[in-house]
Amino acid sequence: MAKSPDPNIKLTSSKGITRTLDDWATMFHLAMVVLPPRPEAGMFVPVARRIFQVLGDADCRTLYCVVGDEFIARGVVGDAEQEALVLCDPDGSFVQSLGLTHLPAFVHLRQDTTLVDAAEGWDAAAWQRVADSVAKAMGWMSPTVAGRNDPLGTPGWPV
């Protein structure tokens, strides 16, 4: 079951910048899609892009977090690295701190890094709930999460 993570965990961006979670969240809520270190996890990038296109202009930071190093993260998110922040969790400590058991996941954290909501696995209705929580907190419009060519629902990969 998802929980508020340790704000002192260090995460490095795919561009090599290392900060604590608390530092990454200082100015904005975080709306993050957390992906496993598997090439096939890239099938969830179009879903994230659709969400980020709407929420990216709100007062939140949209980002990917990939379990793995910079090389693995680039392999999973591909050219989406140019559109959003990509954080790397090489040893999985951030995902463990969040209490996630299955990936992909969509997570909403407040500026103080407390958990607002999370959805594990791919369930469009659960991800919509998280997107709605971000939109409500930001006073923003909510994106439509489900899309025509989305992957089939899945509990995801165990962490």
C-alpha atoms as a PDB file:
ATOM      1  CA  MET A   1       0.000   0.000   0.000  1.00  0.00           C
ATOM      2  CA  ALA A   2       1.372   3.368  -1.035  1.00  0.00           C
ATOM      3  CA  LYS A   3       2.537   5.755   1.675  1.00  0.00           C
ATOM      4  CA  SER A   4       4.382   9.035   2.049  1.00  0.00           C
ATOM      5  CA  PRO A   5       8.021   8.515   1.029  1.00  0.00           C
ATOM      6  CA  ASP A   6      11.201   9.516   2.807  1.00  0.00           C
ATOM      7  CA  PRO A   7      11.786  13.149   1.743  1.00  0.00           C
ATOM      8  CA  ASN A   8      15.557  12.730   2.187  1.00  0.00           C
ATOM      9  CA  ILE A   9      15.954  10.085  -0.524  1.00  0.00           C
ATOM     10  CA  LYS A  10      18.286  11.292  -3.247  1.00  0.00           C
ATOM     11  CA  LEU A  11      17.138  11.015  -6.842  1.00  0.00           C
ATOM     12  CA  THR A  12      19.245  11.829  -9.875  1.00  0.00           C
ATOM     13  CA  SER A  13      17.761  13.206 -13.080  1.00  0.00           C
ATOM     14  CA  SER A  14      18.595  11.566 -16.388  1.00  0.00           C
ATOM     15  CA  LYS A  15      20.728  14.672 -17.002  1.00  0.00           C
ATOM     16  CA  GLY A  16      22.866  13.946 -13.919  1.00  0.00           C
ATOM     17  CA  ILE A  17      21.453  16.410 -11.353  1.00  0.00           C
ATOM     18  CA  THR A  18      21.105  14.873  -7.874  1.00  0.00           C
ATOM     19  CA  ARG A  19      18.770  16.298  -5.235  1.00  0.00           C
ATOM     20  CA  THR A  20      16.666  15.004  -2.387  1.00  0.00           C
ATOM     21  CA  LEU A  21      12.989  14.329  -3.031  1.00  0.00           C
ATOM     22  CA  ASP A  22      12.241  17.265  -0.756  1.00  0.00           C
ATOM     23  CA  ASP A  23      14.319  19.524  -3.022  1.00  0.00           C
ATOM     24  CA  TRP A  24      12.600  18.244  -6.185  1.00  0.00           C
ATOM     25  CA  ALA A  25       9.224  19.045  -4.596  1.00  0.00           C
ATOM     26  CA  THR A  26      10.115  22.415  -3.026  1.00  0.00           C
ATOM     27  CA  MET A  27       8.089  24.565  -5.417  1.00  0.00           C
ATOM     28  CA  PHE A  28       5.426  22.238  -6.807  1.00  0.00           C
ATOM     29  CA  HIS A  29       3.301  19.176  -6.212  1.00  0.00           C
ATOM     30  CA  LEU A  30       4.698  16.182  -8.099  1.00  0.00           C
ATOM     31  CA  ALA A  31       2.595  14.216 -10.591  1.00  0.00           C
ATOM     32  CA  MET A  32       4.775  11.266 -11.464  1.00  0.00           C
ATOM     33  CA  VAL A  33       4.523   8.164 -13.557  1.00  0.00           C
ATOM     34  CA  VAL A  34       6.772   5.514 -12.029  1.00  0.00           C
ATOM     35  CA  LEU A  35       8.041   2.882 -14.454  1.00  0.00           C
ATOM     36  CA  PRO A  36       9.944  -0.377 -14.018  1.00  0.00           C
ATOM     37  CA  PRO A  37      13.330  -1.020 -15.641  1.00  0.00           C
ATOM     38  CA  ARG A  38      11.839  -2.919 -18.583  1.00  0.00           C
ATOM     39  CA  PRO A  39      11.795  -1.846 -22.243  1.00  0.00           C
ATOM     40  CA  GLU A  40       8.126  -2.832 -22.530  1.00  0.00           C
ATOM     41  CA  ALA A  41       7.279  -0.249 -19.827  1.00  0.00           C
ATOM     42  CA  GLY A  42       7.674   2.305 -22.611  1.00  0.00           C
ATOM     43  CA  MET A  43       4.116   1.409 -23.688  1.00  0.00           C
ATOM     44  CA  PHE A  44       2.901   3.600 -20.803  1.00  0.00           C
ATOM     45  CA  VAL A  45       4.776   6.692 -22.026  1.00  0.00           C
ATOM     46  CA  PRO A  46       1.940   7.711 -24.423  1.00  0.00           C
ATOM     47  CA  VAL A  47      -0.491   7.549 -21.481  1.00  0.00           C
ATOM     48  CA  ALA A  48       1.829   9.725 -19.400  1.00  0.00           C
ATOM     49  CA  ARG A  49       2.296  12.155 -22.285  1.00  0.00           C
ATOM     50  CA  ARG A  50      -1.471  12.587 -22.579  1.00  0.00           C
ATOM     51  CA  ILE A  51      -1.715  13.325 -18.846  1.00  0.00           C
ATOM     52  CA  PHE A  52       1.330  15.608 -18.847  1.00  0.00           C
ATOM     53  CA  GLN A  53       0.052  17.629 -21.841  1.00  0.00           C
ATOM     54  CA  VAL A  54      -2.812  18.862 -19.644  1.00  0.00           C
ATOM     55  CA  LEU A  55      -1.198  18.949 -16.202  1.00  0.00           C
ATOM     56  CA  GLY A  56       2.160  20.223 -17.444  1.00  0.00           C
ATOM     57  CA  ASP A  57       0.849  23.796 -17.485  1.00  0.00           C
ATOM     58  CA  ALA A  58      -0.618  23.562 -13.989  1.00  0.00           C
ATOM     59  CA  ASP A  59       1.323  24.473 -10.860  1.00  0.00           C
ATOM     60  CA  CYS A  60       2.737  20.977 -10.506  1.00  0.00           C
ATOM     61  CA  ARG A  61       5.793  19.215 -11.815  1.00  0.00           C
ATOM     62  CA  THR A  62       5.068  16.325 -14.145  1.00  0.00           C
ATOM     63  CA  LEU A  63       7.778  13.716 -14.303  1.00  0.00           C
ATOM     64  CA  TYR A  64       8.786  10.148 -14.919  1.00  0.00           C
ATOM     65  CA  CYS A  65      10.621   8.131 -12.308  1.00  0.00           C
ATOM     66  CA  VAL A  66      12.303   5.009 -13.628  1.00  0.00           C
ATOM     67  CA  VAL A  67      13.739   2.279 -11.431  1.00  0.00           C
ATOM     68  CA  GLY A  68      17.247   2.104 -12.811  1.00  0.00           C
ATOM     69  CA  ASP A  69      20.139   4.323 -13.820  1.00  0.00           C
ATOM     70  CA  GLU A  70      20.207   7.035 -16.496  1.00  0.00           C
ATOM     71  CA  PHE A  71      20.894   4.545 -19.294  1.00  0.00           C
ATOM     72  CA  ILE A  72      17.906   2.397 -18.330  1.00  0.00           C
ATOM     73  CA  ALA A  73      15.683   5.450 -17.872  1.00  0.00           C
ATOM     74  CA  ARG A  74      16.482   6.708 -21.372  1.00  0.00           C
ATOM     75  CA  GLY A  75      15.752   3.262 -22.778  1.00  0.00           C
ATOM     76  CA  VAL A  76      12.324   3.218 -21.131  1.00  0.00           C
ATOM     77  CA  VAL A  77      11.118   6.782 -21.764  1.00  0.00           C
ATOM     78  CA  GLY A  78      12.871   7.382 -25.089  1.00  0.00           C
ATOM     79  CA  ASP A  79      12.375  10.834 -26.591  1.00  0.00           C
ATOM     80  CA  ALA A  80       9.895  11.756 -23.837  1.00  0.00           C
ATOM     81  CA  GLU A  81      13.019  12.649 -21.858  1.00  0.00           C
ATOM     82  CA  GLN A  82      13.039  15.933 -23.794  1.00  0.00           C
ATOM     83  CA  GLU A  83       9.484  16.782 -22.680  1.00  0.00           C
ATOM     84  CA  ALA A  84       9.475  16.093 -18.947  1.00  0.00           C
ATOM     85  CA  LEU A  85      11.792  15.607 -16.019  1.00  0.00           C
ATOM     86  CA  VAL A  86      13.060  12.036 -15.698  1.00  0.00           C
ATOM     87  CA  LEU A  87      14.266  10.898 -12.280  1.00  0.00           C
ATOM     88  CA  CYS A  88      16.259   7.720 -11.757  1.00  0.00           C
ATOM     89  CA  ASP A  89      15.872   5.356  -8.807  1.00  0.00           C
ATOM     90  CA  PRO A  90      18.861   3.050  -9.380  1.00  0.00           C
ATOM     91  CA  ASP A  91      18.423   0.847  -6.326  1.00  0.00           C
ATOM     92  CA  GLY A  92      14.630   1.124  -6.036  1.00  0.00           C
ATOM     93  CA  SER A  93      14.873   2.847  -2.635  1.00  0.00           C
ATOM     94  CA  PHE A  94      12.411   5.584  -3.606  1.00  0.00           C
ATOM     95  CA  VAL A  95       9.821   3.082  -4.846  1.00  0.00           C
ATOM     96  CA  GLN A  96      10.283   1.031  -1.670  1.00  0.00           C
ATOM     97  CA  SER A  97       9.948   4.160   0.462  1.00  0.00           C
ATOM     98  CA  LEU A  98       6.669   4.916  -1.328  1.00  0.00           C
ATOM     99  CA  GLY A  99       5.442   1.427  -0.475  1.00  0.00           C
ATOM    100  CA  LEU A 100       4.660   0.603  -4.102  1.00  0.00           C
ATOM    101  CA  THR A 101       4.404  -3.088  -4.901  1.00  0.00           C
ATOM    102  CA  HIS A 102       3.589  -2.969  -8.645  1.00  0.00           C
ATOM    103  CA  LEU A 103       4.661  -0.761 -11.528  1.00  0.00           C
ATOM    104  CA  PRO A 104       3.699   1.186 -13.528  1.00  0.00           C
ATOM    105  CA  ALA A 105       2.223   3.575 -11.014  1.00  0.00           C
ATOM    106  CA  PHE A 106       0.824   7.091 -11.101  1.00  0.00           C
ATOM    107  CA  VAL A 107       1.616   9.055  -7.937  1.00  0.00           C
ATOM    108  CA  HIS A 108       0.613  12.497  -6.639  1.00  0.00           C
ATOM    109  CA  LEU A 109       2.810  14.024  -3.911  1.00  0.00           C
ATOM    110  CA  ARG A 110       2.322  17.390  -2.196  1.00  0.00           C
ATOM    111  CA  GLN A 111       5.111  19.958  -1.920  1.00  0.00           C
ATOM    112  CA  ASP A 112       5.965  18.537   1.506  1.00  0.00           C
ATOM    113  CA  THR A 113       6.308  15.116  -0.198  1.00  0.00           C
ATOM    114  CA  THR A 114       3.286  13.593   1.547  1.00  0.00           C
ATOM    115  CA  LEU A 115       1.288  11.178  -0.555  1.00  0.00           C
ATOM    116  CA  VAL A 116      -2.039  12.472  -1.884  1.00  0.00           C
ATOM    117  CA  ASP A 117      -2.952   9.470  -4.037  1.00  0.00           C
ATOM    118  CA  ALA A 118      -1.420   6.629  -6.028  1.00  0.00           C
ATOM    119  CA  ALA A 119      -2.546   4.005  -8.519  1.00  0.00           C
ATOM    120  CA  GLU A 120      -0.492   0.860  -9.063  1.00  0.00           C
ATOM    121  CA  GLY A 121      -0.571  -1.225 -12.208  1.00  0.00           C
ATOM    122  CA  TRP A 122      -2.448   0.028 -15.246  1.00  0.00           C
ATOM    123  CA  ASP A 123      -6.097   0.697 -14.486  1.00  0.00           C
ATOM    124  CA  ALA A 124      -7.398   3.709 -16.411  1.00  0.00           C
ATOM    125  CA  ALA A 125     -10.091   4.463 -13.798  1.00  0.00           C
ATOM    126  CA  ALA A 126      -7.555   4.435 -10.938  1.00  0.00           C
ATOM    127  CA  TRP A 127      -5.129   6.624 -12.904  1.00  0.00           C
ATOM    128  CA  GLN A 128      -8.036   8.966 -13.692  1.00  0.00           C
ATOM    129  CA  ARG A 129      -8.704   9.244  -9.944  1.00  0.00           C
ATOM    130  CA  VAL A 130      -5.088  10.329  -9.372  1.00  0.00           C
ATOM    131  CA  ALA A 131      -5.208  12.772 -12.300  1.00  0.00           C
ATOM    132  CA  ASP A 132      -8.418  14.233 -10.870  1.00  0.00           C
ATOM    133  CA  SER A 133      -6.739  14.684  -7.476  1.00  0.00           C
ATOM    134  CA  VAL A 134      -3.854  16.576  -9.078  1.00  0.00           C
ATOM    135  CA  ALA A 135      -6.242  18.741 -11.110  1.00  0.00           C
ATOM    136  CA  LYS A 136      -8.382  19.523  -8.069  1.00  0.00           C
ATOM    137  CA  ALA A 137      -5.353  20.445  -5.948  1.00  0.00           C
ATOM    138  CA  MET A 138      -4.042  22.693  -8.726  1.00  0.00           C
ATOM    139  CA  GLY A 139      -7.411  24.242  -9.583  1.00  0.00           C
ATOM    140  CA  TRP A 140      -6.849  22.937 -13.103  1.00  0.00           C
ATOM    141  CA  MET A 141      -8.743  20.944 -15.707  1.00  0.00           C
ATOM    142  CA  SER A 142      -8.437  17.205 -15.459  1.00  0.00           C
ATOM    143  CA  PRO A 143      -6.927  15.239 -18.343  1.00  0.00           C
ATOM    144  CA  THR A 144      -8.714  12.315 -19.925  1.00  0.00           C
ATOM    145  CA  VAL A 145      -6.497   9.406 -18.981  1.00  0.00           C
ATOM    146  CA  ALA A 146      -7.964   6.574 -21.070  1.00  0.00           C
ATOM    147  CA  GLY A 147      -7.068   6.555 -24.737  1.00  0.00           C
ATOM    148  CA  ARG A 148      -7.959   4.584 -27.800  1.00  0.00           C
ATOM    149  CA  ASN A 149      -4.715   2.624 -28.210  1.00  0.00           C
ATOM    150  CA  ASP A 150      -3.826   2.180 -24.545  1.00  0.00           C
ATOM    151  CA  PRO A 151      -2.379  -1.074 -23.225  1.00  0.00           C
ATOM    152  CA  LEU A 152      -4.781  -3.588 -21.733  1.00  0.00           C
ATOM    153  CA  GLY A 153      -5.390  -3.301 -18.002  1.00  0.00           C
ATOM    154  CA  THR A 154      -2.750  -5.062 -15.953  1.00  0.00           C
ATOM    155  CA  PRO A 155      -1.713  -5.361 -12.324  1.00  0.00           C
ATOM    156  CA  GLY A 156       1.771  -4.477 -13.573  1.00  0.00           C
ATOM    157  CA  TRP A 157       5.134  -5.902 -12.687  1.00  0.00           C
ATOM    158  CA  PRO A 158       6.030  -6.653  -9.070  1.00  0.00           C
ATOM    159  CA  VAL A 159       8.629  -4.331  -7.597  1.00  0.00           C
END
